[in-house]
Protein backbone atom coordinates (compact mmCIF):
# COMPACT_ATOMS: atom_id res chain seq x y z
CA MET A 1 0.00 0.00 0.00
CA LEU A 2 1.20 3.48 -0.85
CA THR A 3 1.77 5.81 2.10
CA ARG A 4 1.09 9.35 0.90
CA HIS A 5 3.37 12.31 1.64
CA ASP A 6 3.79 15.87 0.42
CA VAL A 7 7.29 14.98 -0.79
CA PRO A 8 7.09 12.26 -3.49
CA ILE A 9 10.34 10.50 -2.56
CA LEU A 10 8.97 9.95 0.96
CA GLU A 11 5.88 8.13 -0.32
CA PHE A 12 6.59 4.47 0.32
CA ASP A 13 4.76 1.57 -1.31
CA ASP A 14 5.29 -1.82 0.34
CA CYS A 15 3.74 -3.77 -2.54
CA PRO A 16 6.36 -6.45 -3.43
CA THR A 17 5.61 -6.47 -7.17
CA ALA A 18 5.56 -3.74 -9.80
CA LYS A 19 4.31 -3.43 -13.37
CA LEU A 20 7.80 -4.32 -14.54
CA ASN A 21 9.82 -6.87 -12.55
CA PRO A 22 13.36 -8.31 -12.95
CA GLN A 23 11.90 -11.71 -13.76
CA ASN A 24 10.51 -10.24 -16.99
CA PHE A 25 14.07 -10.07 -18.32
CA VAL A 26 15.30 -13.51 -17.27
CA ASP A 27 15.13 -16.45 -19.66
CA ARG A 28 17.49 -18.72 -17.73
CA PRO A 29 19.26 -18.44 -14.36
CA PHE A 30 22.96 -18.71 -13.68
CA ASP A 31 24.09 -22.06 -12.31
CA THR A 32 25.98 -20.42 -9.44
CA ASP A 33 24.72 -18.10 -6.73
CA ARG A 34 28.01 -16.24 -5.99
CA MET A 35 29.11 -12.93 -7.51
CA VAL A 36 31.66 -10.15 -7.12
CA ILE A 37 30.69 -6.65 -8.24
CA THR A 38 33.84 -4.62 -8.83
CA PHE A 39 34.47 -1.06 -9.95
CA PHE A 40 37.96 -1.85 -11.20
CA PRO A 41 37.93 -2.27 -15.01
CA GLU A 42 41.69 -2.79 -15.21
CA VAL A 43 41.35 -5.73 -12.81
CA LEU A 44 38.85 -7.41 -15.14
CA GLU A 45 41.19 -6.84 -18.07
CA LYS A 46 44.10 -8.34 -16.14
CA LEU A 47 42.05 -11.36 -15.10
CA ARG A 48 41.02 -11.87 -18.72
CA ALA A 49 44.62 -11.58 -19.93
CA GLN A 50 45.70 -14.13 -17.34
CA GLY A 51 43.00 -16.54 -18.46
CA MET A 52 41.43 -16.52 -15.00
CA ILE A 53 37.96 -15.45 -16.15
CA VAL A 54 35.86 -16.14 -19.23
CA PRO A 55 32.66 -14.53 -20.50
CA GLU A 56 29.60 -16.16 -18.96
CA ARG A 57 26.77 -14.12 -20.47
CA GLU A 58 26.08 -10.81 -22.16
CA ILE A 59 23.25 -8.84 -20.62
CA GLY A 60 21.51 -6.94 -23.39
CA GLY A 61 19.69 -3.62 -23.43
CA GLU A 62 20.56 0.00 -24.17
CA ASN A 63 23.87 -0.43 -22.29
CA PRO A 64 24.86 -4.09 -22.72
CA PHE A 65 27.56 -5.58 -20.53
CA VAL A 66 29.23 -8.93 -19.87
CA VAL A 67 29.16 -11.09 -16.77
CA TYR A 68 32.33 -13.20 -16.37
CA ARG A 69 33.05 -16.42 -14.52
CA PHE A 70 36.26 -17.57 -12.83
CA VAL A 71 37.53 -20.67 -14.60
CA ASP A 72 38.57 -22.48 -11.42
CA GLU A 73 35.61 -21.65 -9.17
CA ASP A 74 31.88 -21.12 -9.52
CA VAL A 75 32.01 -17.37 -8.89
CA LEU A 76 30.81 -14.66 -11.26
CA ILE A 77 32.38 -11.21 -11.55
CA VAL A 78 30.97 -8.12 -13.22
CA LEU A 79 31.90 -4.47 -13.58
CA GLY A 80 29.51 -2.34 -11.57
CA PHE A 81 27.73 0.69 -13.01
CA VAL A 82 27.97 4.05 -11.27
CA GLY A 83 25.02 5.11 -9.13
CA CYS A 84 22.24 3.26 -7.34
CA PRO A 85 19.73 3.03 -10.23
CA ALA A 86 22.27 1.29 -12.46
CA CYS A 87 24.30 -0.71 -9.93
CA ALA A 88 21.57 -1.67 -7.46
CA GLY A 89 19.05 -2.06 -10.28
CA ASN A 90 21.34 -4.66 -11.85
CA LEU A 91 21.72 -6.30 -8.45
CA ASP A 92 17.96 -6.88 -8.40
CA LEU A 93 18.24 -8.35 -11.89
CA PHE A 94 21.09 -10.66 -10.82
CA LEU A 95 18.99 -11.88 -7.93
CA ALA A 96 16.25 -12.89 -10.36
CA MET A 97 18.95 -14.78 -12.26
CA GLY A 98 19.83 -16.85 -9.19
CA VAL A 99 22.58 -14.83 -7.50
CA ARG A 100 22.24 -14.94 -3.71
CA LYS A 101 25.69 -14.09 -2.32
CA VAL A 102 27.39 -10.86 -3.42
CA MET A 103 30.56 -9.03 -2.42
CA PHE A 104 31.02 -5.47 -3.65
CA CYS A 105 34.46 -3.89 -3.98
CA GLY A 106 35.11 -0.32 -4.97
CA GLY A 107 36.69 2.93 -3.86
CA GLY A 108 35.30 6.12 -2.38
CA GLY A 109 36.22 9.58 -1.22
CA VAL A 110 37.42 9.72 2.37
CA LEU A 111 35.91 12.23 4.79
CA ASP A 112 38.82 11.88 7.21
CA ARG A 113 42.35 12.34 5.88
CA GLY A 114 43.54 9.83 8.47
CA ILE A 115 42.07 7.13 6.23
CA GLY A 116 44.95 6.28 3.93
CA VAL A 117 44.77 5.49 0.25
CA GLY A 118 43.99 1.80 -0.03
CA GLN A 119 42.74 1.41 3.55
CA LEU A 120 39.69 -0.86 3.62
CA LEU A 121 36.30 0.01 5.02
CA LEU A 122 33.94 -2.82 5.86
CA VAL A 123 30.54 -1.25 5.30
CA ASP A 124 28.14 -1.40 8.26
CA GLY A 125 25.54 0.75 6.57
CA ALA A 126 24.91 3.88 4.52
CA ILE A 127 23.44 7.32 5.05
CA ARG A 128 20.64 7.48 2.48
CA ASP A 129 21.31 10.73 0.63
CA GLU A 130 20.00 9.37 -2.68
CA GLY A 131 16.66 8.38 -4.14
CA PHE A 132 16.76 4.74 -5.25
CA SER A 133 16.66 3.04 -1.85
CA TYR A 134 13.43 4.84 -0.89
CA HIS A 135 11.57 2.76 -3.46
CA TYR A 136 12.63 -0.46 -1.69
CA VAL A 137 12.78 0.40 2.02
CA ALA A 138 10.67 2.86 4.00
CA PRO A 139 12.32 6.26 4.63
CA SER A 140 15.05 6.37 7.27
CA ARG A 141 18.27 8.26 7.67
CA VAL A 142 20.52 5.19 7.68
CA ILE A 143 20.20 1.70 6.24
CA ASN A 144 22.30 -1.07 7.77
CA THR A 145 23.82 -4.16 6.25
CA ASP A 146 22.81 -7.57 7.59
CA ARG A 147 24.76 -7.78 10.84
CA ALA A 148 25.29 -11.55 10.69
CA VAL A 149 26.75 -11.31 7.18
CA THR A 150 28.98 -8.37 8.10
CA GLU A 151 30.26 -10.19 11.18
CA ARG A 152 31.22 -13.19 9.06
CA ILE A 153 33.20 -10.90 6.76
CA ALA A 154 34.89 -9.27 9.75
CA ALA A 155 35.79 -12.68 11.19
CA TYR A 156 37.41 -13.71 7.92
CA LEU A 157 39.41 -10.49 7.69
CA ASP A 158 40.55 -10.96 11.29
CA GLU A 159 41.49 -14.57 10.58
CA ARG A 160 43.59 -13.44 7.62
CA GLN A 161 45.03 -10.53 9.65
CA ILE A 162 43.87 -8.04 7.03
CA PRO A 163 43.59 -4.54 8.54
CA TYR A 164 40.31 -2.70 8.01
CA LEU A 165 37.94 -0.10 9.40
CA ARG A 166 34.23 -0.50 10.00
CA GLY A 167 31.54 2.12 9.67
CA LEU A 168 29.06 3.98 7.54
CA THR A 169 29.33 5.33 4.05
CA TRP A 170 27.51 8.36 2.71
CA THR A 171 25.62 7.46 -0.48
CA THR A 172 24.88 10.42 -2.72
CA ASP A 173 23.51 10.83 -6.23
CA ALA A 174 25.33 14.09 -6.89
CA ILE A 175 29.11 13.95 -7.11
CA PHE A 176 29.29 17.67 -7.87
CA ARG A 177 27.15 18.66 -4.87
CA GLU A 178 29.38 17.39 -2.09
CA THR A 179 29.51 20.78 -0.40
CA ALA A 180 31.58 21.71 2.64
CA ASP A 181 28.57 21.94 4.95
CA ARG A 182 27.12 18.66 3.73
CA ILE A 183 30.49 16.92 4.14
CA ALA A 184 30.78 18.26 7.70
CA ARG A 185 27.28 17.05 8.53
CA ARG A 186 27.92 13.56 7.18
CA LYS A 187 31.15 13.32 9.18
CA GLU A 188 29.21 14.25 12.31
CA GLU A 189 26.83 11.40 11.54
CA GLY A 190 29.69 8.93 11.37
CA ALA A 191 30.28 8.52 7.64
CA LYS A 192 33.87 7.64 6.77
CA ILE A 193 33.63 7.43 2.97
CA VAL A 194 31.36 8.95 0.32
CA GLU A 195 30.23 6.81 -2.60
CA MET A 196 27.23 6.39 -4.90
CA GLU A 197 25.90 2.83 -4.62
CA GLN A 198 25.74 1.36 -1.12
CA ALA A 199 22.34 2.57 0.13
CA GLY A 200 20.67 1.16 -2.96
CA CYS A 201 22.53 -2.15 -2.94
CA ILE A 202 21.87 -2.68 0.76
CA ALA A 203 18.18 -1.90 0.22
CA VAL A 204 17.84 -4.44 -2.59
CA ALA A 205 19.64 -7.08 -0.53
CA GLN A 206 17.47 -6.36 2.50
CA VAL A 207 14.17 -6.57 0.65
CA ARG A 208 15.05 -9.53 -1.57
CA GLY A 209 16.81 -11.64 1.08
CA MET A 210 20.26 -11.55 -0.51
CA LYS A 211 23.52 -12.01 1.43
CA TYR A 212 25.47 -8.86 0.61
CA GLY A 213 28.72 -7.35 1.84
CA ALA A 214 30.91 -4.47 0.73
CA LEU A 215 34.56 -3.52 1.08
CA ILE A 216 35.49 -0.02 -0.08
CA TYR A 217 39.00 1.34 -0.09
CA GLY A 218 40.00 4.88 0.73
CA GLY A 219 40.48 6.93 -2.41
CA ASP A 220 40.44 10.67 -2.99
CA ASP A 221 40.29 13.03 0.00
CA LEU A 222 37.40 15.45 0.61
CA SER A 223 38.34 16.35 4.16
CA GLY A 224 40.56 19.36 3.46
CA GLU A 225 40.02 22.83 2.07
CA GLU A 226 40.51 21.49 -1.45
CA TRP A 227 39.82 18.15 -3.07
CA ASP A 228 42.86 15.86 -3.28
CA ASN A 229 42.89 13.09 -5.89
CA ARG A 230 45.76 11.26 -4.10
CA GLY A 231 46.30 9.17 -7.25
CA TRP A 232 43.80 6.65 -5.93
CA ARG A 233 42.92 5.05 -9.25
CA SER A 234 46.55 4.08 -9.85
CA ARG A 235 46.71 1.64 -6.90
CA GLU A 236 46.54 -1.43 -9.13
CA GLY A 237 47.93 -3.85 -6.55
CA VAL A 238 45.36 -2.87 -3.95
CA ARG A 239 42.50 -3.09 -6.41
CA TYR A 240 43.56 -6.49 -7.79
CA ASP A 241 44.05 -7.98 -4.34
CA LEU A 242 40.72 -6.57 -3.14
CA ALA A 243 38.84 -8.23 -5.99
CA GLY A 244 40.53 -11.53 -5.14
CA LEU A 245 39.65 -11.13 -1.48
CA CYS A 246 36.01 -10.51 -2.34
CA ARG A 247 35.99 -13.62 -4.49
CA GLU A 248 37.09 -15.62 -1.43
CA LEU A 249 34.51 -13.93 0.76
CA THR A 250 31.57 -14.95 -1.45
CA GLY A 251 32.14 -18.43 -0.07
CA ARG A 252 31.88 -17.16 3.53
CA LEU A 253 28.64 -15.22 3.34
């Protein structure tokens, strides 16, 4: 039922089906339920060059893309699209195709310069400063990951002695509207990194019953007077290793 509100984005409809559903686009499911969503295109290219992944299926549409599979393990890997509607929308589609366990790996802008380039954040939840998640989960300021799933990820990182932080991200739709006052407010609320997908992905996972976790590494710095790129996209070793770690973690969710 639709709950009415003066502000359209705050009108929430808890009806589980829509006129158009992901199942309308699925002719056959994958034969594995594990997937890595990565935002590192050079990692996919390296894995392809090494013969470690092969194309599994092309997903058609206005912006077609390829889902790959690791040759030595039943795990899929795909390049994520920027923003909740594209990335989390595809997540809902993947669920309809049989995917149940997903690890996300990407980078984001740090809100505290003490977070070094490449330092990992295990996502506990996201401040919902976007629009997509409000169509899946009733309005709230923060949406949290499944605690049991996140604890299993933390236990694995501890077991492997991989250093990491835990906390919230700030999910925004507008990369060019990260103003000084808004950044300060999000820091006060506990956000450590700003990104564009987590609130939506967590919402889809929560509503659809998917096991979902996310590791985001510290990238550019928004904490100072001026933006600092910090050369974060050039950290190829970090990005490659993170994708491999997430592949392992899909088996622990």
